C-alpha atoms as a PDB file:
ATOM      1  CA  MET A   1      45.090 -16.956   5.938  1.00  0.00           C
ATOM      2  CA  PRO A   2      43.345 -20.023   7.345  1.00  0.00           C
ATOM      3  CA  ASN A   3      40.525 -21.566   5.374  1.00  0.00           C
ATOM      4  CA  PRO A   4      38.036 -24.217   6.441  1.00  0.00           C
ATOM      5  CA  LYS A   5      39.157 -27.754   5.646  1.00  0.00           C
ATOM      6  CA  ARG A   6      35.613 -28.928   4.896  1.00  0.00           C
ATOM      7  CA  ARG A   7      32.423 -27.230   3.821  1.00  0.00           C
ATOM      8  CA  HIS A   8      30.030 -26.191   6.587  1.00  0.00           C
ATOM      9  CA  SER A   9      26.481 -27.421   6.249  1.00  0.00           C
ATOM     10  CA  SER A  10      23.630 -25.069   5.388  1.00  0.00           C
ATOM     11  CA  THR A  11      22.044 -25.840   8.771  1.00  0.00           C
ATOM     12  CA  ARG A  12      25.162 -24.679  10.566  1.00  0.00           C
ATOM     13  CA  ARG A  13      25.272 -21.520   8.464  1.00  0.00           C
ATOM     14  CA  ASP A  14      21.587 -20.785   9.092  1.00  0.00           C
ATOM     15  CA  LYS A  15      21.979 -21.246  12.856  1.00  0.00           C
ATOM     16  CA  ARG A  16      24.610 -18.548  12.848  1.00  0.00           C
ATOM     17  CA  ARG A  17      22.369 -16.161  10.905  1.00  0.00           C
ATOM     18  CA  THR A  18      19.274 -16.518  13.091  1.00  0.00           C
ATOM     19  CA  HIS A  19      19.999 -13.378  15.098  1.00  0.00           C
ATOM     20  CA  TYR A  20      19.887 -11.037  12.079  1.00  0.00           C
ATOM     21  CA  LYS A  21      16.227 -10.033  11.998  1.00  0.00           C
ATOM     22  CA  ALA A  22      14.405  -7.075  10.562  1.00  0.00           C
ATOM     23  CA  THR A  23      12.472  -5.078  13.151  1.00  0.00           C
ATOM     24  CA  PRO A  24       9.249  -3.224  12.377  1.00  0.00           C
ATOM     25  CA  GLN A  25       9.359   0.560  12.307  1.00  0.00           C
ATOM     26  CA  THR A  26       8.083   2.343  15.393  1.00  0.00           C
ATOM     27  CA  ILE A  27       4.901   4.289  14.706  1.00  0.00           C
ATOM     28  CA  THR A  28       3.944   7.240  16.903  1.00  0.00           C
ATOM     29  CA  ILE A  29       0.749   9.257  17.118  1.00  0.00           C
ATOM     30  CA  CYS A  30       1.382  12.999  17.194  1.00  0.00           C
ATOM     31  CA  PRO A  31      -0.285  14.683  20.196  1.00  0.00           C
ATOM     32  CA  GLU A  32      -0.725  17.933  18.231  1.00  0.00           C
ATOM     33  CA  THR A  33      -2.269  16.615  14.997  1.00  0.00           C
ATOM     34  CA  GLY A  34      -3.376  13.071  15.937  1.00  0.00           C
ATOM     35  CA  VAL A  35      -1.717  11.572  12.858  1.00  0.00           C
ATOM     36  CA  ALA A  36       0.233   8.292  12.961  1.00  0.00           C
ATOM     37  CA  HIS A  37       3.766   8.608  11.528  1.00  0.00           C
ATOM     38  CA  THR A  38       7.195   6.983  11.733  1.00  0.00           C
ATOM     39  CA  ARG A  39       9.536   8.367  14.350  1.00  0.00           C
ATOM     40  CA  HIS A  40      12.298  10.869  13.501  1.00  0.00           C
ATOM     41  CA  THR A  41      10.793  11.755  10.116  1.00  0.00           C
ATOM     42  CA  ALA A  42       8.815  14.754   8.942  1.00  0.00           C
ATOM     43  CA  TYR A  43       5.196  14.172   7.902  1.00  0.00           C
ATOM     44  CA  VAL A  44       2.553  16.120   5.968  1.00  0.00           C
ATOM     45  CA  VAL A  45      -0.863  16.991   7.435  1.00  0.00           C
ATOM     46  CA  ASP A  46      -3.335  19.083   5.429  1.00  0.00           C
ATOM     47  CA  GLY A  47      -0.563  20.466   3.204  1.00  0.00           C
ATOM     48  CA  ASN A  48       1.699  21.512   6.117  1.00  0.00           C
ATOM     49  CA  LEU A  49       4.980  19.805   7.009  1.00  0.00           C
ATOM     50  CA  TYR A  50       5.392  18.791  10.677  1.00  0.00           C
ATOM     51  CA  TYR A  51       8.384  17.483  12.636  1.00  0.00           C
ATOM     52  CA  LYS A  52       8.367  16.674  16.371  1.00  0.00           C
ATOM     53  CA  GLY A  53       4.840  18.072  16.687  1.00  0.00           C
ATOM     54  CA  LYS A  54       5.762  21.498  15.331  1.00  0.00           C
ATOM     55  CA  MET A  55       4.877  22.967  11.940  1.00  0.00           C
ATOM     56  CA  ILE A  56       8.049  23.430   9.923  1.00  0.00           C
ATOM     57  CA  VAL A  57       6.725  24.492   6.496  1.00  0.00           C
ATOM     58  CA  GLU A  58       3.309  25.904   5.704  1.00  0.00           C
ATOM     59  CA  ASN A  59       1.702  24.975   2.339  1.00  0.00           C
ATOM     60  CA  TYR A  60       4.346  22.287   1.698  1.00  0.00           C
ATOM     61  CA  LYS A  61       4.697  20.869  -1.832  1.00  0.00           C
ATOM     62  CA  LYS A  62       6.962  17.996  -2.851  1.00  0.00           C
ATOM     63  CA  VAL A  63       9.689  19.079  -5.240  1.00  0.00           C
ATOM     64  CA  ALA A  64      10.639  15.638  -6.578  1.00  0.00           C
ATOM     65  CA  GLU A  65       9.006  12.224  -6.467  1.00  0.00           C
ATOM     66  CA  VAL A  66      11.278   9.511  -5.081  1.00  0.00           C
END
């Protein structure tokens, strides 16, 4: 397997890595409840669990803390 003959500089390495960036999460406001939440995740409003603007579980309680 070929290996580099000389060490690459840290500048050269960093130039290659410039395209790997973290992107902020997209936040959406629910038209039904008016609550801001991250997309594609369930969210709790007044003790009820919602997903895609629809109530999934009424009187929702967390089972385990993460």
